[in-house]
Structures are given as structure tokens and as C-alpha cells.
Amino acid sequence: MRSRSPTDVPPNFMTMRAMLLPGTSDQRVGMPLSRCGGGQSRHRRVASRRAGRHITRTRSGGNLSRTKERVMAEVDSHDRHAAHAPAANVSEEEVSRFDALASRWWDPYGPMRPLHMMNPARIGWVTRHLPDRATMQDATILDVGCGAGLAAEALAHQGYRVLGLDAAAEAVAAAQEHAALSSGLILSYRAGTAEELLSEGQHFRAITALEVIEHVPDPAAFLSLLHDLLEPGGRVFISTLNRTARSWAVAKLGAEYLLRWLPVGTHDWQRFIAPHKLTGLLRQAGLRPLDSAGLSFQPLRGCWTISRDLSINYIIAAQRDR
């Protein structure tokens, strides 16, 4: 019988202290949102809190409902394309779960708090690895699994043209509602699937899929789809969670059950993907890995930074050469 390694099964409570990141044993839910240089300023944090309250109010006031109606009308208009598209690699259970979080997505102290804290680090890494500005000038970045638009809107604020795509219609409606608070963004959203875009013959110079692959039923098919959506020479960015004992202790038990940063059930540890497996799947899909980095939480500063530690959260860039 094969012996089991720490990455095969979750640890028990007796091994928890040994597996937590150094210095994280005294984390508290009340940690400030960010003290990192690349994080939000106090002014931006206050603005974000107000924006989060705005989304919550408009949901009850009807504006978000009207936005959802427009999104659903767009979904209906795309049905003729969906009829000819391959079956979507989408979990309806996951779609329902994230739709239920739509009204609080932009609350930086709500259920998406970890993504708000992580966003400056991951978007900064993506922009440093995108093709040069001249190459991206007339190109569109596709953000697959955009949710309510944290990454898509951040990229648009950097001056990029962005299309956010998600199967969760309520999350897309919240994204559109929040984007309306800013002017000058070249940003659009669509409720639908990547398979529909491919059936329409659309291609992109860059694609982001951040914290998405661990939620799709078939990761290999998902990466093949992203390959087909990329232009030759285009780049894809995948961020996800490593399948280690430490990721179970921190991202599953810690974030969902102890600190309550995420709703219970957000993640399934069995669907986390080790970096070596992800790079193998990328190569099988015809995508050449370019670079990778860890995304590490700094408890004393209350933020996430880029690191060499890929044991929990990490991000990979890959390119379609032909």
C-alpha cells in the first residue's frame, strides 16, 4: 500500500500549529485591510466601504435588480450562440454560491475580504507580465470568472480594455453597477461562458482566470479552452491554491471556519491544484509556462505580497506560441 504524504489528506488539529505560516498564529479577524505599500490608502478604503454600501442599498432599492434584468436580456440574446457552443465547463452549484454573494462582493470587509486584500498584489504581478503597452493598445483582456469585477475593474483602472465574463448573472449585474461609479473605463461585462465566446470566433491577447480553476469541473478542458481563446503569442494568467497541508490549514480551515473570512463551503481542498500539476496541464493544453510566484499573506501588515512561497496561493503566467 502506498504511504500517504501530507498533500494527500488534510492534517488533523494536532498538526495545525506546525503548518501555519510563520508568525500567523495570532491572526485576528479585526486585522486592518491593508498596510502594504501597494494596498489601498485610507481614502480608497473609505471609498471602497461606501461603494460596498452603495451596492447593498441599490440591490434593495431596485437599481441592481434592473441591472440584473439587463444582464438576463443579454443572456437571452446570446442563446443562439450557446446552442452551437460546446457544453459549458461550469458548476451550477458554484454559480449559485457566488450569485448569492453578489450584493456584498464590493464590501472590503465582507465575504470577499481576502480577494480585496489580495487584489493589489495579483493585479500588480499580472500587469508586470502582460505584453508591452504598445502590443496591448488595441487589445482586450478577457477576465474569465470575473465575479463582480474586482480584477476586471482594477485592470481597467490601469488603462487596459477589459471584458469581464462570468456565468453568475447576479455577480455580473453587481459588477456593472459598481463600474458605473467610475468614468473613463474601457470596461464591459457579459454573463455567459467562455465556450460561447469561442463559438463566436472571439480571440484575446491576454486572459486572466484568477481564483477560478479550482471551481471548474474539468481543469484540463478549461485550460484547453483558454488556449483556443488566445491569439498566437497571447498570455494567460492563472491564480489558484496549492494542494498542500498548509493550504488546507490556512485557506480552508483557517479562512472559512476559524477566521470566518470566507463563507463555509467556498473551497473544496480536494480540487486545489499543485503547481507542478498545473504546469503539466498548461503544457498539455499547448501553453508554455513563463513565470510563477507565490501570493503570501503578511499578518503584521494585513496584506498580501508576491513571494517565493507557493505552498498556499500562487499565480502562473503562460503563453500560446502558435
C-alpha atoms as a PDB file:
ATOM      1  CA  MET A   1       0.000   0.000   0.000  1.00  0.00           C
ATOM      2  CA  ARG A   2       1.301   3.443  -0.917  1.00  0.00           C
ATOM      3  CA  SER A   3       2.148   5.612   2.066  1.00  0.00           C
ATOM      4  CA  ARG A   4       0.333   8.920   2.225  1.00  0.00           C
ATOM      5  CA  SER A   5       2.124  12.230   2.093  1.00  0.00           C
ATOM      6  CA  PRO A   6       0.892  15.454   3.719  1.00  0.00           C
ATOM      7  CA  THR A   7      -0.516  16.557   0.360  1.00  0.00           C
ATOM      8  CA  ASP A   8      -2.798  13.513   0.072  1.00  0.00           C
ATOM      9  CA  VAL A   9      -5.053  14.076   3.069  1.00  0.00           C
ATOM     10  CA  PRO A  10      -5.926  17.069   5.216  1.00  0.00           C
ATOM     11  CA  PRO A  11      -3.997  17.327   8.502  1.00  0.00           C
ATOM     12  CA  ASN A  12      -5.575  16.831  11.896  1.00  0.00           C
ATOM     13  CA  PHE A  13      -5.889  19.516  14.516  1.00  0.00           C
ATOM     14  CA  MET A  14      -2.761  18.311  16.371  1.00  0.00           C
ATOM     15  CA  THR A  15      -0.546  19.313  13.430  1.00  0.00           C
ATOM     16  CA  MET A  16      -2.151  22.698  12.825  1.00  0.00           C
ATOM     17  CA  ARG A  17       0.360  24.876  14.694  1.00  0.00           C
ATOM     18  CA  ALA A  18       3.298  23.380  12.827  1.00  0.00           C
ATOM     19  CA  MET A  19       1.746  24.045   9.430  1.00  0.00           C
ATOM     20  CA  LEU A  20       0.579  27.631   9.784  1.00  0.00           C
ATOM     21  CA  LEU A  21       2.721  30.277   8.164  1.00  0.00           C
ATOM     22  CA  PRO A  22       5.402  31.698  10.460  1.00  0.00           C
ATOM     23  CA  GLY A  23       4.008  34.476  12.592  1.00  0.00           C
ATOM     24  CA  THR A  24       0.367  33.776  11.718  1.00  0.00           C
ATOM     25  CA  SER A  25      -0.738  32.028  14.896  1.00  0.00           C
ATOM     26  CA  ASP A  26      -2.014  35.301  16.344  1.00  0.00           C
ATOM     27  CA  GLN A  27      -4.075  36.457  13.342  1.00  0.00           C
ATOM     28  CA  ARG A  28      -7.328  38.132  14.230  1.00  0.00           C
ATOM     29  CA  VAL A  29     -10.425  38.916  12.204  1.00  0.00           C
ATOM     30  CA  GLY A  30     -10.040  42.588  13.115  1.00  0.00           C
ATOM     31  CA  MET A  31      -6.756  42.983  11.176  1.00  0.00           C
ATOM     32  CA  PRO A  32      -6.673  46.186   9.104  1.00  0.00           C
ATOM     33  CA  LEU A  33      -7.500  45.601   5.461  1.00  0.00           C
ATOM     34  CA  SER A  34      -4.067  46.616   4.157  1.00  0.00           C
ATOM     35  CA  ARG A  35      -0.878  48.325   5.273  1.00  0.00           C
ATOM     36  CA  CYS A  36       1.206  47.322   2.238  1.00  0.00           C
ATOM     37  CA  GLY A  37       2.704  49.987   0.002  1.00  0.00           C
ATOM     38  CA  GLY A  38       0.710  48.668  -2.946  1.00  0.00           C
ATOM     39  CA  GLY A  39      -2.518  48.416  -0.996  1.00  0.00           C
ATOM     40  CA  GLN A  40      -5.347  50.842  -0.543  1.00  0.00           C
ATOM     41  CA  SER A  41      -4.829  54.224   1.065  1.00  0.00           C
ATOM     42  CA  ARG A  42      -7.143  55.296   3.863  1.00  0.00           C
ATOM     43  CA  HIS A  43      -9.059  57.450   1.362  1.00  0.00           C
ATOM     44  CA  ARG A  44      -9.504  54.488  -1.011  1.00  0.00           C
ATOM     45  CA  ARG A  45     -10.534  52.195   1.853  1.00  0.00           C
ATOM     46  CA  VAL A  46     -13.248  54.649   2.905  1.00  0.00           C
ATOM     47  CA  ALA A  47     -14.365  54.983  -0.719  1.00  0.00           C
ATOM     48  CA  SER A  48     -14.471  51.194  -1.035  1.00  0.00           C
ATOM     49  CA  ARG A  49     -16.603  50.856   2.077  1.00  0.00           C
ATOM     50  CA  ARG A  50     -19.011  53.461   0.706  1.00  0.00           C
ATOM     51  CA  ALA A  51     -19.095  51.692  -2.636  1.00  0.00           C
ATOM     52  CA  GLY A  52     -19.875  48.413  -0.894  1.00  0.00           C
ATOM     53  CA  ARG A  53     -22.753  50.014   0.976  1.00  0.00           C
ATOM     54  CA  HIS A  54     -23.937  51.566  -2.287  1.00  0.00           C
ATOM     55  CA  ILE A  55     -24.204  48.158  -3.924  1.00  0.00           C
ATOM     56  CA  THR A  56     -26.091  46.756  -0.940  1.00  0.00           C
ATOM     57  CA  ARG A  57     -28.532  49.656  -0.951  1.00  0.00           C
ATOM     58  CA  THR A  58     -29.157  49.578  -4.683  1.00  0.00           C
ATOM     59  CA  ARG A  59     -29.920  45.881  -4.507  1.00  0.00           C
ATOM     60  CA  SER A  60     -32.811  46.561  -2.150  1.00  0.00           C
ATOM     61  CA  GLY A  61     -33.690  49.803  -3.930  1.00  0.00           C
ATOM     62  CA  GLY A  62     -34.134  48.196  -7.305  1.00  0.00           C
ATOM     63  CA  ASN A  63     -31.191  49.524  -9.330  1.00  0.00           C
ATOM     64  CA  LEU A  64     -29.257  46.271  -9.087  1.00  0.00           C
ATOM     65  CA  SER A  65     -32.415  44.366  -9.947  1.00  0.00           C
ATOM     66  CA  ARG A  66     -32.813  46.464 -13.082  1.00  0.00           C
ATOM     67  CA  THR A  67     -29.175  45.839 -13.952  1.00  0.00           C
ATOM     68  CA  LYS A  68     -29.782  42.128 -13.497  1.00  0.00           C
ATOM     69  CA  GLU A  69     -32.756  42.358 -15.868  1.00  0.00           C
ATOM     70  CA  ARG A  70     -30.489  43.929 -18.499  1.00  0.00           C
ATOM     71  CA  VAL A  71     -27.898  41.218 -17.933  1.00  0.00           C
ATOM     72  CA  MET A  72     -30.509  38.498 -18.310  1.00  0.00           C
ATOM     73  CA  ALA A  73     -31.727  40.119 -21.532  1.00  0.00           C
ATOM     74  CA  GLU A  74     -28.147  39.947 -22.812  1.00  0.00           C
ATOM     75  CA  VAL A  75     -28.012  36.282 -21.804  1.00  0.00           C
ATOM     76  CA  ASP A  76     -31.163  35.632 -23.827  1.00  0.00           C
ATOM     77  CA  SER A  77     -29.688  37.410 -26.840  1.00  0.00           C
ATOM     78  CA  HIS A  78     -26.683  35.075 -26.732  1.00  0.00           C
ATOM     79  CA  ASP A  79     -28.764  31.888 -26.609  1.00  0.00           C
ATOM     80  CA  ARG A  80     -28.493  31.323 -30.340  1.00  0.00           C
ATOM     81  CA  HIS A  81     -24.703  31.188 -29.982  1.00  0.00           C
ATOM     82  CA  ALA A  82     -24.872  28.976 -26.912  1.00  0.00           C
ATOM     83  CA  ALA A  83     -26.965  26.461 -28.839  1.00  0.00           C
ATOM     84  CA  HIS A  84     -23.967  25.818 -31.108  1.00  0.00           C
ATOM     85  CA  ALA A  85     -21.310  26.040 -28.395  1.00  0.00           C
ATOM     86  CA  PRO A  86     -19.810  23.019 -26.598  1.00  0.00           C
ATOM     87  CA  ALA A  87     -21.281  22.105 -23.214  1.00  0.00           C
ATOM     88  CA  ALA A  88     -20.115  24.648 -20.654  1.00  0.00           C
ATOM     89  CA  ASN A  89     -17.468  23.562 -18.143  1.00  0.00           C
ATOM     90  CA  VAL A  90     -19.407  25.234 -15.336  1.00  0.00           C
ATOM     91  CA  SER A  91     -20.691  24.015 -11.980  1.00  0.00           C
ATOM     92  CA  GLU A  92     -24.228  25.256 -11.339  1.00  0.00           C
ATOM     93  CA  GLU A  93     -23.633  24.817  -7.610  1.00  0.00           C
ATOM     94  CA  GLU A  94     -20.659  27.168  -7.778  1.00  0.00           C
ATOM     95  CA  VAL A  95     -22.612  29.678  -9.879  1.00  0.00           C
ATOM     96  CA  SER A  96     -25.412  29.736  -7.299  1.00  0.00           C
ATOM     97  CA  ARG A  97     -22.953  30.118  -4.446  1.00  0.00           C
ATOM     98  CA  PHE A  98     -21.269  33.169  -5.972  1.00  0.00           C
ATOM     99  CA  ASP A  99     -24.547  34.695  -7.161  1.00  0.00           C
ATOM    100  CA  ALA A 100     -25.660  34.665  -3.530  1.00  0.00           C
ATOM    101  CA  LEU A 101     -22.629  36.810  -2.627  1.00  0.00           C
ATOM    102  CA  ALA A 102     -23.198  39.399  -5.363  1.00  0.00           C
ATOM    103  CA  SER A 103     -24.686  42.147  -3.202  1.00  0.00           C
ATOM    104  CA  ARG A 104     -21.717  42.088  -0.790  1.00  0.00           C
ATOM    105  CA  TRP A 105     -18.910  41.445  -3.285  1.00  0.00           C
ATOM    106  CA  TRP A 106     -17.605  45.007  -3.191  1.00  0.00           C
ATOM    107  CA  ASP A 107     -17.716  45.286   0.601  1.00  0.00           C
ATOM    108  CA  PRO A 108     -13.981  45.170   1.516  1.00  0.00           C
ATOM    109  CA  TYR A 109     -14.881  43.782   4.947  1.00  0.00           C
ATOM    110  CA  GLY A 110     -17.483  41.315   3.633  1.00  0.00           C
ATOM    111  CA  PRO A 111     -17.250  37.727   2.391  1.00  0.00           C
ATOM    112  CA  MET A 112     -14.808  38.686  -0.385  1.00  0.00           C
ATOM    113  CA  ARG A 113     -12.408  40.372   2.009  1.00  0.00           C
ATOM    114  CA  PRO A 114      -9.458  38.051   1.159  1.00  0.00           C
ATOM    115  CA  LEU A 115      -9.782  38.916  -2.543  1.00  0.00           C
ATOM    116  CA  HIS A 116      -9.895  42.635  -1.748  1.00  0.00           C
ATOM    117  CA  MET A 117      -6.665  42.252   0.236  1.00  0.00           C
ATOM    118  CA  MET A 118      -5.014  40.077  -2.417  1.00  0.00           C
ATOM    119  CA  ASN A 119      -6.091  42.112  -5.436  1.00  0.00           C
ATOM    120  CA  PRO A 120      -3.306  44.761  -5.474  1.00  0.00           C
ATOM    121  CA  ALA A 121      -0.595  42.076  -5.375  1.00  0.00           C
ATOM    122  CA  ARG A 122      -2.074  39.805  -8.011  1.00  0.00           C
ATOM    123  CA  ILE A 123      -3.031  42.636 -10.399  1.00  0.00           C
ATOM    124  CA  GLY A 124       0.405  44.191  -9.999  1.00  0.00           C
ATOM    125  CA  TRP A 125       2.021  40.869 -10.931  1.00  0.00           C
ATOM    126  CA  VAL A 126      -0.287  40.427 -13.940  1.00  0.00           C
ATOM    127  CA  THR A 127       0.406  43.901 -15.316  1.00  0.00           C
ATOM    128  CA  ARG A 128       4.168  43.376 -14.987  1.00  0.00           C
ATOM    129  CA  HIS A 129       3.869  40.201 -17.079  1.00  0.00           C
ATOM    130  CA  LEU A 130       1.498  41.485 -19.748  1.00  0.00           C
ATOM    131  CA  PRO A 131       2.899  42.252 -23.215  1.00  0.00           C
ATOM    132  CA  ASP A 132       4.135  45.834 -23.567  1.00  0.00           C
ATOM    133  CA  ARG A 133       1.637  48.695 -23.749  1.00  0.00           C
ATOM    134  CA  ALA A 134       2.102  49.135 -27.483  1.00  0.00           C
ATOM    135  CA  THR A 135       1.122  45.496 -28.044  1.00  0.00           C
ATOM    136  CA  MET A 136      -1.898  45.829 -25.733  1.00  0.00           C
ATOM    137  CA  GLN A 137      -3.039  49.245 -27.024  1.00  0.00           C
ATOM    138  CA  ASP A 138      -5.989  47.990 -29.082  1.00  0.00           C
ATOM    139  CA  ALA A 139      -6.275  44.590 -27.418  1.00  0.00           C
ATOM    140  CA  THR A 140      -8.873  43.388 -24.928  1.00  0.00           C
ATOM    141  CA  ILE A 141      -8.059  41.468 -21.764  1.00  0.00           C
ATOM    142  CA  LEU A 142     -10.638  38.770 -21.064  1.00  0.00           C
ATOM    143  CA  ASP A 143     -11.234  38.193 -17.353  1.00  0.00           C
ATOM    144  CA  VAL A 144     -12.838  34.747 -17.113  1.00  0.00           C
ATOM    145  CA  GLY A 145     -14.806  34.112 -13.941  1.00  0.00           C
ATOM    146  CA  CYS A 146     -14.802  37.830 -13.171  1.00  0.00           C
ATOM    147  CA  GLY A 147     -17.458  37.650 -10.466  1.00  0.00           C
ATOM    148  CA  ALA A 148     -18.455  41.184  -9.519  1.00  0.00           C
ATOM    149  CA  GLY A 149     -15.374  42.623 -11.185  1.00  0.00           C
ATOM    150  CA  LEU A 150     -12.585  43.090  -8.622  1.00  0.00           C
ATOM    151  CA  ALA A 151      -9.820  42.118 -11.046  1.00  0.00           C
ATOM    152  CA  ALA A 152     -11.515  43.383 -14.222  1.00  0.00           C
ATOM    153  CA  GLU A 153     -12.130  46.843 -12.810  1.00  0.00           C
ATOM    154  CA  ALA A 154      -8.617  47.059 -11.353  1.00  0.00           C
ATOM    155  CA  LEU A 155      -7.145  46.253 -14.780  1.00  0.00           C
ATOM    156  CA  ALA A 156      -9.422  48.840 -16.399  1.00  0.00           C
ATOM    157  CA  HIS A 157      -8.204  51.444 -13.902  1.00  0.00           C
ATOM    158  CA  GLN A 158      -4.690  50.633 -15.141  1.00  0.00           C
ATOM    159  CA  GLY A 159      -5.794  51.776 -18.595  1.00  0.00           C
ATOM    160  CA  TYR A 160      -6.481  48.412 -20.226  1.00  0.00           C
ATOM    161  CA  ARG A 161      -9.526  47.483 -22.275  1.00  0.00           C
ATOM    162  CA  VAL A 162     -11.268  44.682 -20.384  1.00  0.00           C
ATOM    163  CA  LEU A 163     -14.152  42.262 -20.908  1.00  0.00           C
ATOM    164  CA  GLY A 164     -15.353  40.551 -17.747  1.00  0.00           C
ATOM    165  CA  LEU A 165     -17.118  37.215 -18.217  1.00  0.00           C
ATOM    166  CA  ASP A 166     -18.974  35.123 -15.662  1.00  0.00           C
ATOM    167  CA  ALA A 167     -21.791  32.578 -15.674  1.00  0.00           C
ATOM    168  CA  ALA A 168     -23.191  34.135 -12.481  1.00  0.00           C
ATOM    169  CA  ALA A 169     -25.677  36.749 -13.750  1.00  0.00           C
ATOM    170  CA  GLU A 170     -26.217  38.449 -10.383  1.00  0.00           C
ATOM    171  CA  ALA A 171     -22.478  38.843  -9.872  1.00  0.00           C
ATOM    172  CA  VAL A 172     -22.173  40.375 -13.344  1.00  0.00           C
ATOM    173  CA  ALA A 173     -25.015  42.782 -12.529  1.00  0.00           C
ATOM    174  CA  ALA A 174     -23.145  43.856  -9.381  1.00  0.00           C
ATOM    175  CA  ALA A 175     -20.004  44.340 -11.489  1.00  0.00           C
ATOM    176  CA  GLN A 176     -21.833  46.585 -13.939  1.00  0.00           C
ATOM    177  CA  GLU A 177     -23.419  48.563 -11.113  1.00  0.00           C
ATOM    178  CA  HIS A 178     -20.053  49.172  -9.462  1.00  0.00           C
ATOM    179  CA  ALA A 179     -18.311  50.045 -12.735  1.00  0.00           C
ATOM    180  CA  ALA A 180     -20.914  52.775 -13.254  1.00  0.00           C
ATOM    181  CA  LEU A 181     -19.442  54.592 -10.244  1.00  0.00           C
ATOM    182  CA  SER A 182     -16.276  55.297 -12.266  1.00  0.00           C
ATOM    183  CA  SER A 183     -15.892  57.180 -15.533  1.00  0.00           C
ATOM    184  CA  GLY A 184     -13.475  56.708 -18.389  1.00  0.00           C
ATOM    185  CA  LEU A 185     -13.066  52.948 -18.014  1.00  0.00           C
ATOM    186  CA  ILE A 186     -12.943  50.808 -21.154  1.00  0.00           C
ATOM    187  CA  LEU A 187     -14.726  48.000 -19.371  1.00  0.00           C
ATOM    188  CA  SER A 188     -17.649  45.785 -20.296  1.00  0.00           C
ATOM    189  CA  TYR A 189     -19.215  42.707 -18.785  1.00  0.00           C
ATOM    190  CA  ARG A 190     -21.043  39.709 -20.111  1.00  0.00           C
ATOM    191  CA  ALA A 191     -22.991  36.959 -18.357  1.00  0.00           C
ATOM    192  CA  GLY A 192     -22.154  33.736 -20.149  1.00  0.00           C
ATOM    193  CA  THR A 193     -19.467  31.145 -20.718  1.00  0.00           C
ATOM    194  CA  ALA A 194     -16.096  31.014 -22.421  1.00  0.00           C
ATOM    195  CA  GLU A 195     -17.444  28.327 -24.730  1.00  0.00           C
ATOM    196  CA  GLU A 196     -19.904  30.870 -26.120  1.00  0.00           C
ATOM    197  CA  LEU A 197     -17.122  33.342 -26.886  1.00  0.00           C
ATOM    198  CA  LEU A 198     -15.167  30.644 -28.698  1.00  0.00           C
ATOM    199  CA  SER A 199     -18.217  29.627 -30.761  1.00  0.00           C
ATOM    200  CA  GLU A 200     -18.493  33.279 -31.851  1.00  0.00           C
ATOM    201  CA  GLY A 201     -14.887  33.239 -33.071  1.00  0.00           C
ATOM    202  CA  GLN A 202     -13.586  35.678 -30.465  1.00  0.00           C
ATOM    203  CA  HIS A 203      -9.888  35.711 -29.520  1.00  0.00           C
ATOM    204  CA  PHE A 204      -7.877  37.699 -26.985  1.00  0.00           C
ATOM    205  CA  ARG A 205      -4.302  38.825 -26.486  1.00  0.00           C
ATOM    206  CA  ALA A 206      -4.457  38.254 -22.740  1.00  0.00           C
ATOM    207  CA  ILE A 207      -6.741  36.258 -20.452  1.00  0.00           C
ATOM    208  CA  THR A 208      -6.945  36.252 -16.669  1.00  0.00           C
ATOM    209  CA  ALA A 209      -8.590  33.487 -14.657  1.00  0.00           C
ATOM    210  CA  LEU A 210      -7.920  34.388 -11.037  1.00  0.00           C
ATOM    211  CA  GLU A 211      -9.141  32.032  -8.305  1.00  0.00           C
ATOM    212  CA  VAL A 212     -11.282  30.243 -10.895  1.00  0.00           C
ATOM    213  CA  ILE A 213      -9.733  26.930 -11.932  1.00  0.00           C
ATOM    214  CA  GLU A 214     -10.335  25.305  -8.533  1.00  0.00           C
ATOM    215  CA  HIS A 215     -14.065  25.863  -9.075  1.00  0.00           C
ATOM    216  CA  VAL A 216     -14.449  24.327 -12.576  1.00  0.00           C
ATOM    217  CA  PRO A 217     -15.405  20.638 -13.019  1.00  0.00           C
ATOM    218  CA  ASP A 218     -12.661  19.846 -15.579  1.00  0.00           C
ATOM    219  CA  PRO A 219      -9.443  21.910 -15.178  1.00  0.00           C
ATOM    220  CA  ALA A 220      -7.725  20.318 -18.202  1.00  0.00           C
ATOM    221  CA  ALA A 221     -10.638  21.150 -20.510  1.00  0.00           C
ATOM    222  CA  PHE A 222     -10.757  24.666 -19.041  1.00  0.00           C
ATOM    223  CA  LEU A 223      -7.103  25.308 -19.925  1.00  0.00           C
ATOM    224  CA  SER A 224      -7.603  23.921 -23.432  1.00  0.00           C
ATOM    225  CA  LEU A 225     -10.486  26.345 -23.859  1.00  0.00           C
ATOM    226  CA  LEU A 226      -8.344  29.276 -22.703  1.00  0.00           C
ATOM    227  CA  HIS A 227      -5.669  28.208 -25.205  1.00  0.00           C
ATOM    228  CA  ASP A 228      -8.218  28.291 -28.019  1.00  0.00           C
ATOM    229  CA  LEU A 229      -9.419  31.742 -26.953  1.00  0.00           C
ATOM    230  CA  LEU A 230      -5.912  33.187 -27.012  1.00  0.00           C
ATOM    231  CA  GLU A 231      -4.313  34.728 -30.050  1.00  0.00           C
ATOM    232  CA  PRO A 232      -0.928  33.216 -31.013  1.00  0.00           C
ATOM    233  CA  GLY A 233       1.561  34.934 -28.735  1.00  0.00           C
ATOM    234  CA  GLY A 234      -1.176  35.710 -26.214  1.00  0.00           C
ATOM    235  CA  ARG A 235      -0.728  35.194 -22.496  1.00  0.00           C
ATOM    236  CA  VAL A 236      -2.907  33.647 -19.816  1.00  0.00           C
ATOM    237  CA  PHE A 237      -2.711  34.238 -16.062  1.00  0.00           C
ATOM    238  CA  ILE A 238      -3.951  31.627 -13.592  1.00  0.00           C
ATOM    239  CA  SER A 239      -4.020  32.097  -9.828  1.00  0.00           C
ATOM    240  CA  THR A 240      -5.203  29.356  -7.537  1.00  0.00           C
ATOM    241  CA  LEU A 241      -4.442  27.356  -4.387  1.00  0.00           C
ATOM    242  CA  ASN A 242      -1.799  24.686  -3.927  1.00  0.00           C
ATOM    243  CA  ARG A 243      -2.935  21.294  -2.651  1.00  0.00           C
ATOM    244  CA  THR A 244      -0.850  21.039   0.499  1.00  0.00           C
ATOM    245  CA  ALA A 245      -1.428  20.503   4.186  1.00  0.00           C
ATOM    246  CA  ARG A 246      -0.664  24.181   4.778  1.00  0.00           C
ATOM    247  CA  SER A 247      -3.269  25.304   2.234  1.00  0.00           C
ATOM    248  CA  TRP A 248      -5.879  23.148   3.950  1.00  0.00           C
ATOM    249  CA  ALA A 249      -4.938  24.555   7.351  1.00  0.00           C
ATOM    250  CA  VAL A 250      -4.846  28.202   6.243  1.00  0.00           C
ATOM    251  CA  ALA A 251      -7.161  28.584   3.231  1.00  0.00           C
ATOM    252  CA  LYS A 252      -9.808  26.052   4.216  1.00  0.00           C
ATOM    253  CA  LEU A 253      -9.895  25.564   7.997  1.00  0.00           C
ATOM    254  CA  GLY A 254      -8.459  28.953   8.909  1.00  0.00           C
ATOM    255  CA  ALA A 255     -10.186  31.212   6.384  1.00  0.00           C
ATOM    256  CA  GLU A 256     -13.589  29.500   6.407  1.00  0.00           C
ATOM    257  CA  TYR A 257     -14.007  28.044   9.914  1.00  0.00           C
ATOM    258  CA  LEU A 258     -11.716  29.931  12.292  1.00  0.00           C
ATOM    259  CA  LEU A 259     -11.324  33.471  10.956  1.00  0.00           C
ATOM    260  CA  ARG A 260     -14.623  33.379   9.018  1.00  0.00           C
ATOM    261  CA  TRP A 261     -13.072  35.391   6.194  1.00  0.00           C
ATOM    262  CA  LEU A 262     -14.910  33.237   3.630  1.00  0.00           C
ATOM    263  CA  PRO A 263     -18.319  31.545   3.708  1.00  0.00           C
ATOM    264  CA  VAL A 264     -18.055  27.903   4.732  1.00  0.00           C
ATOM    265  CA  GLY A 265     -18.001  25.723   1.615  1.00  0.00           C
ATOM    266  CA  THR A 266     -16.285  28.296  -0.628  1.00  0.00           C
ATOM    267  CA  HIS A 267     -13.432  25.884  -1.335  1.00  0.00           C
ATOM    268  CA  ASP A 268     -13.026  22.139  -1.757  1.00  0.00           C
ATOM    269  CA  TRP A 269      -9.462  21.222  -0.768  1.00  0.00           C
ATOM    270  CA  GLN A 270      -9.597  18.148  -2.994  1.00  0.00           C
ATOM    271  CA  ARG A 271      -9.856  20.485  -6.017  1.00  0.00           C
ATOM    272  CA  PHE A 272      -6.787  22.547  -5.181  1.00  0.00           C
ATOM    273  CA  ILE A 273      -4.001  22.071  -7.745  1.00  0.00           C
ATOM    274  CA  ALA A 274      -0.270  21.742  -7.094  1.00  0.00           C
ATOM    275  CA  PRO A 275       1.960  23.998  -9.245  1.00  0.00           C
ATOM    276  CA  HIS A 276       3.714  21.076 -10.937  1.00  0.00           C
ATOM    277  CA  LYS A 277       0.361  19.596 -11.908  1.00  0.00           C
ATOM    278  CA  LEU A 278      -0.916  22.930 -13.209  1.00  0.00           C
ATOM    279  CA  THR A 279       2.205  23.489 -15.315  1.00  0.00           C
ATOM    280  CA  GLY A 280       1.755  19.974 -16.708  1.00  0.00           C
ATOM    281  CA  LEU A 281      -1.861  20.722 -17.630  1.00  0.00           C
ATOM    282  CA  LEU A 282      -0.797  24.012 -19.217  1.00  0.00           C
ATOM    283  CA  ARG A 283       1.748  22.233 -21.408  1.00  0.00           C
ATOM    284  CA  GLN A 284      -0.815  19.596 -22.396  1.00  0.00           C
ATOM    285  CA  ALA A 285      -3.102  22.431 -23.482  1.00  0.00           C
ATOM    286  CA  GLY A 286      -0.370  23.948 -25.662  1.00  0.00           C
ATOM    287  CA  LEU A 287       0.506  26.741 -23.232  1.00  0.00           C
ATOM    288  CA  ARG A 288       4.139  27.392 -22.295  1.00  0.00           C
ATOM    289  CA  PRO A 289       4.651  28.410 -18.655  1.00  0.00           C
ATOM    290  CA  LEU A 290       6.620  31.649 -18.378  1.00  0.00           C
ATOM    291  CA  ASP A 291       6.814  32.510 -14.694  1.00  0.00           C
ATOM    292  CA  SER A 292       5.214  31.799 -11.338  1.00  0.00           C
ATOM    293  CA  ALA A 293       5.123  33.364  -7.889  1.00  0.00           C
ATOM    294  CA  GLY A 294       3.550  32.894  -4.506  1.00  0.00           C
ATOM    295  CA  LEU A 295       0.884  35.157  -3.045  1.00  0.00           C
ATOM    296  CA  SER A 296       1.578  35.338   0.676  1.00  0.00           C
ATOM    297  CA  PHE A 297      -0.389  36.949   3.480  1.00  0.00           C
ATOM    298  CA  GLN A 298       1.610  39.257   5.745  1.00  0.00           C
ATOM    299  CA  PRO A 299      -0.286  39.235   9.069  1.00  0.00           C
ATOM    300  CA  LEU A 300       1.560  42.133  10.690  1.00  0.00           C
ATOM    301  CA  ARG A 301       0.864  44.384   7.691  1.00  0.00           C
ATOM    302  CA  GLY A 302      -2.601  42.983   6.945  1.00  0.00           C
ATOM    303  CA  CYS A 303      -1.989  42.468   3.239  1.00  0.00           C
ATOM    304  CA  TRP A 304      -0.750  40.089   0.560  1.00  0.00           C
ATOM    305  CA  THR A 305       2.592  40.317  -1.224  1.00  0.00           C
ATOM    306  CA  ILE A 306       4.383  38.491  -4.029  1.00  0.00           C
ATOM    307  CA  SER A 307       6.790  35.888  -2.655  1.00  0.00           C
ATOM    308  CA  ARG A 308       8.670  32.700  -3.486  1.00  0.00           C
ATOM    309  CA  ASP A 309       6.349  30.659  -1.260  1.00  0.00           C
ATOM    310  CA  LEU A 310       3.921  28.737  -3.495  1.00  0.00           C
ATOM    311  CA  SER A 311       2.674  26.461  -0.717  1.00  0.00           C
ATOM    312  CA  ILE A 312      -0.747  28.144  -0.398  1.00  0.00           C
ATOM    313  CA  ASN A 313      -1.726  30.769  -3.004  1.00  0.00           C
ATOM    314  CA  TYR A 314       0.214  31.156  -6.226  1.00  0.00           C
ATOM    315  CA  ILE A 315      -0.037  32.630  -9.723  1.00  0.00           C
ATOM    316  CA  ILE A 316       1.309  31.419 -13.079  1.00  0.00           C
ATOM    317  CA  ALA A 317       1.734  33.134 -16.450  1.00  0.00           C
ATOM    318  CA  ALA A 318       1.789  31.076 -19.660  1.00  0.00           C
ATOM    319  CA  GLN A 319       1.869  31.823 -23.384  1.00  0.00           C
ATOM    320  CA  ARG A 320       0.345  30.360 -26.508  1.00  0.00           C
ATOM    321  CA  ASP A 321       3.189  30.217 -29.012  1.00  0.00           C
ATOM    322  CA  ARG A 322       1.142  29.095 -32.007  1.00  0.00           C
END
